[in-house]
């Protein structure tokens, strides 16, 4: 089987052709730099994504707190991650980079705040 991908590792956006055999990238063509081959292999064998979302804020002057995983997680874990995020609530003042959940879903990544909120202490 051959998969067509557009590489996102650099601004060139190379059109890649990946021959897949038994779930492994057996051959990659179309890349103009070494990053394309690595990207194609990862995308076929173990696609990863950085998850960005929002967590409900309760008792704060804003409704949601933007968050993201501090490293990419397996694409197959995205729905489970969103289900977990829907159940979270932030009830205290947070700062950019604060960890909301350590070892999120047991994946070795943290869920962190991505925006600074300037709120006066009460």
PDB file of N, CA and C in Angstrom:
ATOM      1  N   UNK A   1       0.841  -1.169   0.000  1.00  0.00           N
ATOM      2  CA  UNK A   1       0.000   0.000   0.000  1.00  0.00           C
ATOM      3  C   UNK A   1       0.897   1.247   0.000  1.00  0.00           C
ATOM      4  N   UNK A   2       0.451   2.274  -0.691  1.00  0.00           N
ATOM      5  CA  UNK A   2       1.172   3.540  -0.735  1.00  0.00           C
ATOM      6  C   UNK A   2       0.306   4.626  -0.110  1.00  0.00           C
ATOM      7  N   UNK A   3       0.906   5.397   0.806  1.00  0.00           N
ATOM      8  CA  UNK A   3       0.199   6.527   1.415  1.00  0.00           C
ATOM      9  C   UNK A   3       0.817   7.823   0.924  1.00  0.00           C
ATOM     10  N   UNK A   4      -0.019   8.786   0.699  1.00  0.00           N
ATOM     11  CA  UNK A   4       0.427  10.127   0.304  1.00  0.00           C
ATOM     12  C   UNK A   4       0.326  11.026   1.529  1.00  0.00           C
ATOM     13  N   UNK A   5       1.392  11.754   1.823  1.00  0.00           N
ATOM     14  CA  UNK A   5       1.435  12.672   2.960  1.00  0.00           C
ATOM     15  C   UNK A   5       2.031  13.996   2.520  1.00  0.00           C
ATOM     16  N   UNK A   6       1.699  15.044   3.232  1.00  0.00           N
ATOM     17  CA  UNK A   6       2.374  16.323   3.067  1.00  0.00           C
ATOM     18  C   UNK A   6       3.213  16.538   4.309  1.00  0.00           C
ATOM     19  N   UNK A   7       4.505  16.679   4.123  1.00  0.00           N
ATOM     20  CA  UNK A   7       5.411  16.850   5.250  1.00  0.00           C
ATOM     21  C   UNK A   7       5.189  18.227   5.889  1.00  0.00           C
ATOM     22  N   UNK A   8       5.182  18.265   7.216  1.00  0.00           N
ATOM     23  CA  UNK A   8       4.987  19.523   7.940  1.00  0.00           C
ATOM     24  C   UNK A   8       6.207  19.894   8.782  1.00  0.00           C
ATOM     25  N   UNK A   9       7.324  19.247   8.531  1.00  0.00           N
ATOM     26  CA  UNK A   9       8.524  19.480   9.336  1.00  0.00           C
ATOM     27  C   UNK A   9       9.272  20.757   8.972  1.00  0.00           C
ATOM     28  N   UNK A  10       9.097  21.254   7.776  1.00  0.00           N
ATOM     29  CA  UNK A  10       9.733  22.514   7.383  1.00  0.00           C
ATOM     30  C   UNK A  10       8.777  23.253   6.438  1.00  0.00           C
ATOM     31  N   UNK A  11       9.074  24.482   6.095  1.00  0.00           N
ATOM     32  CA  UNK A  11       8.144  25.259   5.258  1.00  0.00           C
ATOM     33  C   UNK A  11       7.965  24.755   3.821  1.00  0.00           C
ATOM     34  N   UNK A  12       8.780  23.836   3.373  1.00  0.00           N
ATOM     35  CA  UNK A  12       8.684  23.365   1.987  1.00  0.00           C
ATOM     36  C   UNK A  12       7.399  22.591   1.723  1.00  0.00           C
ATOM     37  N   UNK A  13       6.882  21.861   2.694  1.00  0.00           N
ATOM     38  CA  UNK A  13       5.633  21.102   2.517  1.00  0.00           C
ATOM     39  C   UNK A  13       5.732  20.060   1.428  1.00  0.00           C
ATOM     40  N   UNK A  14       6.764  19.260   1.455  1.00  0.00           N
ATOM     41  CA  UNK A  14       6.980  18.246   0.420  1.00  0.00           C
ATOM     42  C   UNK A  14       5.833  17.248   0.346  1.00  0.00           C
ATOM     43  N   UNK A  15       5.504  16.843  -0.873  1.00  0.00           N
ATOM     44  CA  UNK A  15       4.519  15.783  -1.095  1.00  0.00           C
ATOM     45  C   UNK A  15       5.257  14.452  -1.029  1.00  0.00           C
ATOM     46  N   UNK A  16       4.941  13.676  -0.016  1.00  0.00           N
ATOM     47  CA  UNK A  16       5.642  12.417   0.208  1.00  0.00           C
ATOM     48  C   UNK A  16       4.799  11.242  -0.249  1.00  0.00           C
ATOM     49  N   UNK A  17       5.491  10.243  -0.744  1.00  0.00           N
ATOM     50  CA  UNK A  17       4.871   8.983  -1.097  1.00  0.00           C
ATOM     51  C   UNK A  17       5.533   7.924  -0.217  1.00  0.00           C
ATOM     52  N   UNK A  18       4.723   7.202   0.554  1.00  0.00           N
ATOM     53  CA  UNK A  18       5.265   6.244   1.515  1.00  0.00           C
ATOM     54  C   UNK A  18       4.731   4.852   1.198  1.00  0.00           C
ATOM     55  N   UNK A  19       5.648   3.948   0.914  1.00  0.00           N
ATOM     56  CA  UNK A  19       5.256   2.556   0.712  1.00  0.00           C
ATOM     57  C   UNK A  19       5.210   1.897   2.088  1.00  0.00           C
ATOM     58  N   UNK A  20       4.034   1.396   2.444  1.00  0.00           N
ATOM     59  CA  UNK A  20       3.817   0.806   3.760  1.00  0.00           C
ATOM     60  C   UNK A  20       3.696  -0.704   3.617  1.00  0.00           C
ATOM     61  N   UNK A  21       4.485  -1.408   4.427  1.00  0.00           N
ATOM     62  CA  UNK A  21       4.436  -2.868   4.424  1.00  0.00           C
ATOM     63  C   UNK A  21       4.348  -3.336   5.873  1.00  0.00           C
ATOM     64  N   UNK A  22       3.282  -4.032   6.206  1.00  0.00           N
ATOM     65  CA  UNK A  22       3.054  -4.539   7.562  1.00  0.00           C
ATOM     66  C   UNK A  22       3.117  -3.430   8.612  1.00  0.00           C
ATOM     67  N   UNK A  23       2.544  -2.268   8.285  1.00  0.00           N
ATOM     68  CA  UNK A  23       2.487  -1.158   9.230  1.00  0.00           C
ATOM     69  C   UNK A  23       3.781  -0.385   9.398  1.00  0.00           C
ATOM     70  N   UNK A  24       4.754  -0.662   8.555  1.00  0.00           N
ATOM     71  CA  UNK A  24       6.063   0.002   8.629  1.00  0.00           C
ATOM     72  C   UNK A  24       6.324   0.752   7.329  1.00  0.00           C
ATOM     73  N   UNK A  25       6.926   1.922   7.446  1.00  0.00           N
ATOM     74  CA  UNK A  25       7.296   2.692   6.255  1.00  0.00           C
ATOM     75  C   UNK A  25       8.507   2.026   5.613  1.00  0.00           C
ATOM     76  N   UNK A  26       8.275   1.299   4.541  1.00  0.00           N
ATOM     77  CA  UNK A  26       9.350   0.557   3.880  1.00  0.00           C
ATOM     78  C   UNK A  26      10.183   1.447   2.965  1.00  0.00           C
ATOM     79  N   UNK A  27       9.546   2.466   2.355  1.00  0.00           N
ATOM     80  CA  UNK A  27      10.265   3.372   1.459  1.00  0.00           C
ATOM     81  C   UNK A  27       9.532   4.704   1.432  1.00  0.00           C
ATOM     82  N   UNK A  28      10.322   5.780   1.394  1.00  0.00           N
ATOM     83  CA  UNK A  28       9.766   7.133   1.356  1.00  0.00           C
ATOM     84  C   UNK A  28      10.393   7.863   0.183  1.00  0.00           C
ATOM     85  N   UNK A  29       9.566   8.570  -0.597  1.00  0.00           N
ATOM     86  CA  UNK A  29      10.103   9.380  -1.686  1.00  0.00           C
ATOM     87  C   UNK A  29       9.396  10.732  -1.700  1.00  0.00           C
ATOM     88  N   UNK A  30      10.028  11.699  -2.344  1.00  0.00           N
ATOM     89  CA  UNK A  30       9.454  13.034  -2.476  1.00  0.00           C
ATOM     90  C   UNK A  30      10.009  14.061  -1.508  1.00  0.00           C
ATOM     91  N   UNK A  31      10.787  13.620  -0.515  1.00  0.00           N
ATOM     92  CA  UNK A  31      11.321  14.558   0.470  1.00  0.00           C
ATOM     93  C   UNK A  31      12.517  15.326  -0.094  1.00  0.00           C
ATOM     94  N   UNK A  32      12.592  16.614   0.268  1.00  0.00           N
ATOM     95  CA  UNK A  32      13.718  17.436  -0.175  1.00  0.00           C
ATOM     96  C   UNK A  32      14.743  17.634   0.937  1.00  0.00           C
ATOM     97  N   UNK A  33      14.460  17.086   2.131  1.00  0.00           N
ATOM     98  CA  UNK A  33      15.434  17.162   3.219  1.00  0.00           C
ATOM     99  C   UNK A  33      15.288  15.896   4.062  1.00  0.00           C
ATOM    100  N   UNK A  34      16.243  15.616   4.932  1.00  0.00           N
ATOM    101  CA  UNK A  34      16.185  14.391   5.738  1.00  0.00           C
ATOM    102  C   UNK A  34      14.989  14.334   6.694  1.00  0.00           C
ATOM    103  N   UNK A  35      14.434  15.477   7.030  1.00  0.00           N
ATOM    104  CA  UNK A  35      13.304  15.508   7.968  1.00  0.00           C
ATOM    105  C   UNK A  35      12.079  14.808   7.395  1.00  0.00           C
ATOM    106  N   UNK A  36      11.928  14.823   6.081  1.00  0.00           N
ATOM    107  CA  UNK A  36      10.763  14.223   5.440  1.00  0.00           C
ATOM    108  C   UNK A  36      10.676  12.731   5.658  1.00  0.00           C
ATOM    109  N   UNK A  37      11.778  12.046   5.543  1.00  0.00           N
ATOM    110  CA  UNK A  37      11.787  10.596   5.723  1.00  0.00           C
ATOM    111  C   UNK A  37      11.421  10.234   7.157  1.00  0.00           C
ATOM    112  N   UNK A  38      11.990  10.949   8.112  1.00  0.00           N
ATOM    113  CA  UNK A  38      11.690  10.696   9.522  1.00  0.00           C
ATOM    114  C   UNK A  38      10.225  11.010   9.834  1.00  0.00           C
ATOM    115  N   UNK A  39       9.732  12.126   9.311  1.00  0.00           N
ATOM    116  CA  UNK A  39       8.327  12.492   9.510  1.00  0.00           C
ATOM    117  C   UNK A  39       7.407  11.398   8.976  1.00  0.00           C
ATOM    118  N   UNK A  40       7.655  10.945   7.759  1.00  0.00           N
ATOM    119  CA  UNK A  40       6.808   9.931   7.139  1.00  0.00           C
ATOM    120  C   UNK A  40       6.811   8.637   7.948  1.00  0.00           C
ATOM    121  N   UNK A  41       7.973   8.225   8.397  1.00  0.00           N
ATOM    122  CA  UNK A  41       8.064   6.994   9.188  1.00  0.00           C
ATOM    123  C   UNK A  41       7.263   7.121  10.474  1.00  0.00           C
ATOM    124  N   UNK A  42       7.420   8.228  11.164  1.00  0.00           N
ATOM    125  CA  UNK A  42       6.678   8.429  12.415  1.00  0.00           C
ATOM    126  C   UNK A  42       5.172   8.507  12.168  1.00  0.00           C
ATOM    127  N   UNK A  43       4.783   9.190  11.115  1.00  0.00           N
ATOM    128  CA  UNK A  43       3.364   9.377  10.835  1.00  0.00           C
ATOM    129  C   UNK A  43       2.685   8.052  10.481  1.00  0.00           C
ATOM    130  N   UNK A  44       3.395   7.169   9.825  1.00  0.00           N
ATOM    131  CA  UNK A  44       2.834   5.874   9.444  1.00  0.00           C
ATOM    132  C   UNK A  44       2.869   4.897  10.624  1.00  0.00           C
ATOM    133  N   UNK A  45       3.972   4.867  11.350  1.00  0.00           N
ATOM    134  CA  UNK A  45       4.178   3.848  12.374  1.00  0.00           C
ATOM    135  C   UNK A  45       3.634   4.226  13.749  1.00  0.00           C
ATOM    136  N   UNK A  46       3.744   5.492  14.130  1.00  0.00           N
ATOM    137  CA  UNK A  46       3.292   5.922  15.452  1.00  0.00           C
ATOM    138  C   UNK A  46       2.980   7.418  15.422  1.00  0.00           C
ATOM    139  N   UNK A  47       1.838   7.803  14.844  1.00  0.00           N
ATOM    140  CA  UNK A  47       1.527   9.226  14.740  1.00  0.00           C
ATOM    141  C   UNK A  47       1.311   9.854  16.125  1.00  0.00           C
ATOM    142  N   UNK A  48       1.911  11.028  16.318  1.00  0.00           N
ATOM    143  CA  UNK A  48       1.827  11.758  17.576  1.00  0.00           C
ATOM    144  C   UNK A  48       1.253  13.142  17.327  1.00  0.00           C
ATOM    145  N   UNK A  49       0.557  13.674  18.324  1.00  0.00           N
ATOM    146  CA  UNK A  49      -0.005  15.017  18.238  1.00  0.00           C
ATOM    147  C   UNK A  49       0.119  15.712  19.582  1.00  0.00           C
ATOM    148  N   UNK A  50       0.370  17.015  19.551  1.00  0.00           N
ATOM    149  CA  UNK A  50       0.277  17.823  20.758  1.00  0.00           C
ATOM    150  C   UNK A  50      -1.185  18.216  20.889  1.00  0.00           C
ATOM    151  N   UNK A  51      -1.769  17.928  22.040  1.00  0.00           N
ATOM    152  CA  UNK A  51      -3.180  18.216  22.274  1.00  0.00           C
ATOM    153  C   UNK A  51      -3.334  19.594  22.891  1.00  0.00           C
ATOM    154  N   UNK A  52      -4.171  20.413  22.303  1.00  0.00           N
ATOM    155  CA  UNK A  52      -4.509  21.715  22.884  1.00  0.00           C
ATOM    156  C   UNK A  52      -6.003  21.729  23.150  1.00  0.00           C
ATOM    157  N   UNK A  53      -6.379  22.300  24.283  1.00  0.00           N
ATOM    158  CA  UNK A  53      -7.783  22.316  24.655  1.00  0.00           C
ATOM    159  C   UNK A  53      -8.008  23.385  25.713  1.00  0.00           C
ATOM    160  N   UNK A  54      -9.125  23.290  26.394  1.00  0.00           N
ATOM    161  CA  UNK A  54      -9.447  24.207  27.475  1.00  0.00           C
ATOM    162  C   UNK A  54     -10.058  23.442  28.635  1.00  0.00           C
ATOM    163  N   UNK A  55      -9.758  23.888  29.854  1.00  0.00           N
ATOM    164  CA  UNK A  55     -10.308  23.285  31.061  1.00  0.00           C
ATOM    165  C   UNK A  55     -11.257  24.294  31.691  1.00  0.00           C
ATOM    166  N   UNK A  56     -12.396  23.814  32.142  1.00  0.00           N
ATOM    167  CA  UNK A  56     -13.391  24.657  32.780  1.00  0.00           C
ATOM    168  C   UNK A  56     -12.808  25.328  34.020  1.00  0.00           C
ATOM    169  N   UNK A  57     -13.032  26.631  34.143  1.00  0.00           N
ATOM    170  CA  UNK A  57     -12.617  27.380  35.334  1.00  0.00           C
ATOM    171  C   UNK A  57     -13.856  27.588  36.201  1.00  0.00           C
ATOM    172  N   UNK A  58     -13.717  27.349  37.493  1.00  0.00           N
ATOM    173  CA  UNK A  58     -14.846  27.497  38.401  1.00  0.00           C
ATOM    174  C   UNK A  58     -14.456  28.464  39.521  1.00  0.00           C
ATOM    175  N   UNK A  59     -15.279  29.487  39.725  1.00  0.00           N
ATOM    176  CA  UNK A  59     -15.007  30.467  40.762  1.00  0.00           C
ATOM    177  C   UNK A  59     -13.927  31.461  40.379  1.00  0.00           C
ATOM    178  N   UNK A  60     -13.646  31.564  39.107  1.00  0.00           N
ATOM    179  CA  UNK A  60     -12.630  32.491  38.610  1.00  0.00           C
ATOM    180  C   UNK A  60     -13.298  33.465  37.641  1.00  0.00           C
ATOM    181  N   UNK A  61     -12.663  34.612  37.359  1.00  0.00           N
ATOM    182  CA  UNK A  61     -13.301  35.600  36.479  1.00  0.00           C
ATOM    183  C   UNK A  61     -13.243  35.252  34.990  1.00  0.00           C
ATOM    184  N   UNK A  62     -12.905  34.036  34.644  1.00  0.00           N
ATOM    185  CA  UNK A  62     -12.885  33.592  33.249  1.00  0.00           C
ATOM    186  C   UNK A  62     -13.459  32.184  33.209  1.00  0.00           C
ATOM    187  N   UNK A  63     -14.028  31.811  32.079  1.00  0.00           N
ATOM    188  CA  UNK A  63     -14.754  30.542  31.972  1.00  0.00           C
ATOM    189  C   UNK A  63     -13.866  29.331  31.698  1.00  0.00           C
ATOM    190  N   UNK A  64     -12.806  29.539  30.931  1.00  0.00           N
ATOM    191  CA  UNK A  64     -11.947  28.428  30.529  1.00  0.00           C
ATOM    192  C   UNK A  64     -10.485  28.809  30.676  1.00  0.00           C
ATOM    193  N   UNK A  65      -9.649  27.799  30.914  1.00  0.00           N
ATOM    194  CA  UNK A  65      -8.205  27.979  30.972  1.00  0.00           C
ATOM    195  C   UNK A  65      -7.609  27.153  29.832  1.00  0.00           C
ATOM    196  N   UNK A  66      -6.877  27.786  28.899  1.00  0.00           N
ATOM    197  CA  UNK A  66      -6.282  27.026  27.804  1.00  0.00           C
ATOM    198  C   UNK A  66      -5.120  26.157  28.305  1.00  0.00           C
ATOM    199  N   UNK A  67      -5.078  24.922  27.798  1.00  0.00           N
ATOM    200  CA  UNK A  67      -4.054  23.960  28.205  1.00  0.00           C
ATOM    201  C   UNK A  67      -3.531  23.214  26.982  1.00  0.00           C
ATOM    202  N   UNK A  68      -2.397  22.537  27.179  1.00  0.00           N
ATOM    203  CA  UNK A  68      -1.858  21.664  26.138  1.00  0.00           C
ATOM    204  C   UNK A  68      -0.981  20.611  26.789  1.00  0.00           C
ATOM    205  N   UNK A  69      -0.720  19.541  26.055  1.00  0.00           N
ATOM    206  CA  UNK A  69       0.247  18.564  26.537  1.00  0.00           C
ATOM    207  C   UNK A  69       1.632  19.138  26.280  1.00  0.00           C
ATOM    208  N   UNK A  70       2.551  18.907  27.208  1.00  0.00           N
ATOM    209  CA  UNK A  70       3.885  19.495  27.040  1.00  0.00           C
ATOM    210  C   UNK A  70       4.752  18.737  26.036  1.00  0.00           C
ATOM    211  N   UNK A  71       4.275  17.597  25.578  1.00  0.00           N
ATOM    212  CA  UNK A  71       4.914  16.829  24.509  1.00  0.00           C
ATOM    213  C   UNK A  71       3.812  16.119  23.727  1.00  0.00           C
ATOM    214  N   UNK A  72       4.092  15.708  22.521  1.00  0.00           N
ATOM    215  CA  UNK A  72       3.076  14.991  21.744  1.00  0.00           C
ATOM    216  C   UNK A  72       2.680  13.673  22.403  1.00  0.00           C
ATOM    217  N   UNK A  73       1.431  13.274  22.166  1.00  0.00           N
ATOM    218  CA  UNK A  73       0.909  12.001  22.649  1.00  0.00           C
ATOM    219  C   UNK A  73       0.451  11.184  21.447  1.00  0.00           C
ATOM    220  N   UNK A  74       0.292   9.878  21.619  1.00  0.00           N
ATOM    221  CA  UNK A  74      -0.176   9.067  20.491  1.00  0.00           C
ATOM    222  C   UNK A  74      -1.535   9.551  19.986  1.00  0.00           C
ATOM    223  N   UNK A  75      -1.669   9.621  18.684  1.00  0.00           N
ATOM    224  CA  UNK A  75      -2.904  10.089  18.065  1.00  0.00           C
ATOM    225  C   UNK A  75      -4.103   9.265  18.535  1.00  0.00           C
ATOM    226  N   UNK A  76      -3.896   7.992  18.766  1.00  0.00           N
ATOM    227  CA  UNK A  76      -4.966   7.115  19.222  1.00  0.00           C
ATOM    228  C   UNK A  76      -5.470   7.422  20.626  1.00  0.00           C
ATOM    229  N   UNK A  77      -4.727   8.222  21.396  1.00  0.00           N
ATOM    230  CA  UNK A  77      -5.119   8.562  22.763  1.00  0.00           C
ATOM    231  C   UNK A  77      -5.871   9.889  22.842  1.00  0.00           C
ATOM    232  N   UNK A  78      -6.073  10.570  21.714  1.00  0.00           N
ATOM    233  CA  UNK A  78      -6.682  11.901  21.741  1.00  0.00           C
ATOM    234  C   UNK A  78      -8.115  11.904  22.289  1.00  0.00           C
ATOM    235  N   UNK A  79      -8.940  10.963  21.897  1.00  0.00           N
ATOM    236  CA  UNK A  79     -10.322  10.948  22.377  1.00  0.00           C
ATOM    237  C   UNK A  79     -10.383  10.678  23.877  1.00  0.00           C
ATOM    238  N   UNK A  80      -9.580   9.747  24.362  1.00  0.00           N
ATOM    239  CA  UNK A  80      -9.521   9.468  25.800  1.00  0.00           C
ATOM    240  C   UNK A  80      -9.033  10.708  26.553  1.00  0.00           C
ATOM    241  N   UNK A  81      -8.053  11.387  25.988  1.00  0.00           N
ATOM    242  CA  UNK A  81      -7.524  12.605  26.622  1.00  0.00           C
ATOM    243  C   UNK A  81      -8.598  13.684  26.704  1.00  0.00           C
ATOM    244  N   UNK A  82      -9.366  13.860  25.644  1.00  0.00           N
ATOM    245  CA  UNK A  82     -10.427  14.865  25.665  1.00  0.00           C
ATOM    246  C   UNK A  82     -11.520  14.503  26.678  1.00  0.00           C
ATOM    247  N   UNK A  83     -11.833  13.230  26.799  1.00  0.00           N
ATOM    248  CA  UNK A  83     -12.806  12.811  27.806  1.00  0.00           C
ATOM    249  C   UNK A  83     -12.321  13.164  29.207  1.00  0.00           C
ATOM    250  N   UNK A  84     -11.040  12.970  29.459  1.00  0.00           N
ATOM    251  CA  UNK A  84     -10.457  13.293  30.766  1.00  0.00           C
ATOM    252  C   UNK A  84     -10.481  14.804  31.002  1.00  0.00           C
ATOM    253  N   UNK A  85     -10.128  15.580  29.985  1.00  0.00           N
ATOM    254  CA  UNK A  85     -10.098  17.042  30.113  1.00  0.00           C
ATOM    255  C   UNK A  85     -11.490  17.584  30.418  1.00  0.00           C
ATOM    256  N   UNK A  86     -12.530  17.006  29.816  1.00  0.00           N
ATOM    257  CA  UNK A  86     -13.909  17.462  30.052  1.00  0.00           C
ATOM    258  C   UNK A  86     -14.309  17.357  31.520  1.00  0.00           C
ATOM    259  N   UNK A  87     -13.670  16.466  32.268  1.00  0.00           N
ATOM    260  CA  UNK A  87     -14.015  16.237  33.672  1.00  0.00           C
ATOM    261  C   UNK A  87     -13.208  17.109  34.633  1.00  0.00           C
ATOM    262  N   UNK A  88     -12.227  17.854  34.119  1.00  0.00           N
ATOM    263  CA  UNK A  88     -11.364  18.669  34.973  1.00  0.00           C
ATOM    264  C   UNK A  88     -11.983  20.030  35.253  1.00  0.00           C
ATOM    265  N   UNK A  89     -11.614  20.604  36.411  1.00  0.00           N
ATOM    266  CA  UNK A  89     -11.999  21.968  36.763  1.00  0.00           C
ATOM    267  C   UNK A  89     -10.813  22.625  37.441  1.00  0.00           C
ATOM    268  N   UNK A  90     -10.570  23.871  37.084  1.00  0.00           N
ATOM    269  CA  UNK A  90      -9.525  24.657  37.746  1.00  0.00           C
ATOM    270  C   UNK A  90     -10.238  25.663  38.634  1.00  0.00           C
ATOM    271  N   UNK A  91      -9.870  25.675  39.914  1.00  0.00           N
ATOM    272  CA  UNK A  91     -10.568  26.514  40.885  1.00  0.00           C
ATOM    273  C   UNK A  91      -9.658  27.537  41.552  1.00  0.00           C
ATOM    274  N   UNK A  92      -8.397  27.597  41.127  1.00  0.00           N
ATOM    275  CA  UNK A  92      -7.484  28.568  41.725  1.00  0.00           C
ATOM    276  C   UNK A  92      -6.699  29.275  40.633  1.00  0.00           C
ATOM    277  N   UNK A  93      -6.105  30.372  40.991  1.00  0.00           N
ATOM    278  CA  UNK A  93      -5.308  31.166  40.055  1.00  0.00           C
ATOM    279  C   UNK A  93      -4.176  30.323  39.474  1.00  0.00           C
ATOM    280  N   UNK A  94      -3.980  30.430  38.168  1.00  0.00           N
ATOM    281  CA  UNK A  94      -2.928  29.679  37.492  1.00  0.00           C
ATOM    282  C   UNK A  94      -2.069  30.623  36.657  1.00  0.00           C
ATOM    283  N   UNK A  95      -0.895  30.148  36.328  1.00  0.00           N
ATOM    284  CA  UNK A  95       0.052  30.904  35.507  1.00  0.00           C
ATOM    285  C   UNK A  95       0.496  30.042  34.338  1.00  0.00           C
ATOM    286  N   UNK A  96       0.951  30.681  33.299  1.00  0.00           N
ATOM    287  CA  UNK A  96       1.451  29.960  32.133  1.00  0.00           C
ATOM    288  C   UNK A  96       2.534  28.977  32.580  1.00  0.00           C
ATOM    289  N   UNK A  97       2.436  27.753  32.088  1.00  0.00           N
ATOM    290  CA  UNK A  97       3.407  26.717  32.439  1.00  0.00           C
ATOM    291  C   UNK A  97       3.027  25.889  33.654  1.00  0.00           C
ATOM    292  N   UNK A  98       2.045  26.336  34.442  1.00  0.00           N
ATOM    293  CA  UNK A  98       1.609  25.536  35.594  1.00  0.00           C
ATOM    294  C   UNK A  98       1.096  24.184  35.118  1.00  0.00           C
ATOM    295  N   UNK A  99       1.431  23.140  35.865  1.00  0.00           N
ATOM    296  CA  UNK A  99       0.984  21.795  35.527  1.00  0.00           C
ATOM    297  C   UNK A  99      -0.409  21.575  36.109  1.00  0.00           C
ATOM    298  N   UNK A 100      -1.343  21.223  35.246  1.00  0.00           N
ATOM    299  CA  UNK A 100      -2.712  20.920  35.662  1.00  0.00           C
ATOM    300  C   UNK A 100      -2.809  19.451  36.056  1.00  0.00           C
ATOM    301  N   UNK A 101      -2.218  18.567  35.231  1.00  0.00           N
ATOM    302  CA  UNK A 101      -2.179  17.129  35.519  1.00  0.00           C
ATOM    303  C   UNK A 101      -0.785  16.614  35.167  1.00  0.00           C
ATOM    304  N   UNK A 102      -0.128  16.007  36.148  1.00  0.00           N
ATOM    305  CA  UNK A 102       1.171  15.359  35.893  1.00  0.00           C
ATOM    306  C   UNK A 102       0.935  13.961  35.336  1.00  0.00           C
ATOM    307  N   UNK A 103       1.831  13.508  34.502  1.00  0.00           N
ATOM    308  CA  UNK A 103       1.752  12.176  33.893  1.00  0.00           C
ATOM    309  C   UNK A 103       0.343  11.911  33.371  1.00  0.00           C
ATOM    310  N   UNK A 104      -0.103  12.807  32.523  1.00  0.00           N
ATOM    311  CA  UNK A 104      -1.452  12.765  31.953  1.00  0.00           C
ATOM    312  C   UNK A 104      -1.691  11.427  31.267  1.00  0.00           C
ATOM    313  N   UNK A 105      -2.728  10.731  31.672  1.00  0.00           N
ATOM    314  CA  UNK A 105      -3.127   9.413  31.150  1.00  0.00           C
ATOM    315  C   UNK A 105      -2.023   8.364  31.281  1.00  0.00           C
ATOM    316  N   UNK A 106      -1.063   8.598  32.150  1.00  0.00           N
ATOM    317  CA  UNK A 106       0.043   7.656  32.307  1.00  0.00           C
ATOM    318  C   UNK A 106       0.980   7.630  31.110  1.00  0.00           C
ATOM    319  N   UNK A 107       0.960   8.703  30.318  1.00  0.00           N
ATOM    320  CA  UNK A 107       1.762   8.760  29.088  1.00  0.00           C
ATOM    321  C   UNK A 107       3.111   9.445  29.286  1.00  0.00           C
ATOM    322  N   UNK A 108       3.390   9.899  30.513  1.00  0.00           N
ATOM    323  CA  UNK A 108       4.664  10.573  30.763  1.00  0.00           C
ATOM    324  C   UNK A 108       4.700  12.007  30.283  1.00  0.00           C
ATOM    325  N   UNK A 109       3.543  12.588  29.992  1.00  0.00           N
ATOM    326  CA  UNK A 109       3.463  13.989  29.584  1.00  0.00           C
ATOM    327  C   UNK A 109       2.621  14.737  30.611  1.00  0.00           C
ATOM    328  N   UNK A 110       2.806  16.034  30.690  1.00  0.00           N
ATOM    329  CA  UNK A 110       2.028  16.862  31.596  1.00  0.00           C
ATOM    330  C   UNK A 110       1.038  17.704  30.804  1.00  0.00           C
ATOM    331  N   UNK A 111      -0.098  17.997  31.428  1.00  0.00           N
ATOM    332  CA  UNK A 111      -1.063  18.929  30.875  1.00  0.00           C
ATOM    333  C   UNK A 111      -0.769  20.271  31.534  1.00  0.00           C
ATOM    334  N   UNK A 112      -0.421  21.288  30.728  1.00  0.00           N
ATOM    335  CA  UNK A 112       0.035  22.566  31.276  1.00  0.00           C
ATOM    336  C   UNK A 112      -0.815  23.730  30.777  1.00  0.00           C
ATOM    337  N   UNK A 113      -0.829  24.806  31.575  1.00  0.00           N
ATOM    338  CA  UNK A 113      -1.538  26.043  31.236  1.00  0.00           C
ATOM    339  C   UNK A 113      -0.749  26.777  30.162  1.00  0.00           C
ATOM    340  N   UNK A 114      -1.455  27.355  29.175  1.00  0.00           N
ATOM    341  CA  UNK A 114      -0.764  28.010  28.059  1.00  0.00           C
ATOM    342  C   UNK A 114      -0.994  29.512  27.976  1.00  0.00           C
ATOM    343  N   UNK A 115      -1.680  30.079  28.961  1.00  0.00           N
ATOM    344  CA  UNK A 115      -1.910  31.517  28.915  1.00  0.00           C
ATOM    345  C   UNK A 115      -1.818  32.089  30.311  1.00  0.00           C
ATOM    346  N   UNK A 116      -1.235  33.255  30.409  1.00  0.00           N
ATOM    347  CA  UNK A 116      -1.132  33.963  31.686  1.00  0.00           C
ATOM    348  C   UNK A 116      -2.393  34.783  31.887  1.00  0.00           C
ATOM    349  N   UNK A 117      -2.974  34.670  33.054  1.00  0.00           N
ATOM    350  CA  UNK A 117      -4.140  35.457  33.422  1.00  0.00           C
ATOM    351  C   UNK A 117      -3.728  36.426  34.512  1.00  0.00           C
ATOM    352  N   UNK A 118      -3.985  37.689  34.270  1.00  0.00           N
ATOM    353  CA  UNK A 118      -3.644  38.703  35.269  1.00  0.00           C
ATOM    354  C   UNK A 118      -4.882  38.988  36.088  1.00  0.00           C
ATOM    355  N   UNK A 119      -4.934  38.368  37.232  1.00  0.00           N
ATOM    356  CA  UNK A 119      -6.098  38.495  38.115  1.00  0.00           C
ATOM    357  C   UNK A 119      -5.581  39.001  39.460  1.00  0.00           C
ATOM    358  N   UNK A 120      -6.230  40.012  39.989  1.00  0.00           N
ATOM    359  CA  UNK A 120      -5.841  40.535  41.301  1.00  0.00           C
ATOM    360  C   UNK A 120      -6.149  39.520  42.365  1.00  0.00           C
ATOM    361  N   UNK A 121      -5.215  39.351  43.310  1.00  0.00           N
ATOM    362  CA  UNK A 121      -5.464  38.470  44.456  1.00  0.00           C
ATOM    363  C   UNK A 121      -6.598  39.052  45.277  1.00  0.00           C
ATOM    364  N   UNK A 122      -7.402  38.186  45.808  1.00  0.00           N
ATOM    365  CA  UNK A 122      -8.530  38.647  46.613  1.00  0.00           C
ATOM    366  C   UNK A 122      -8.234  38.506  48.085  1.00  0.00           C
TER     367      UNK A 122
END
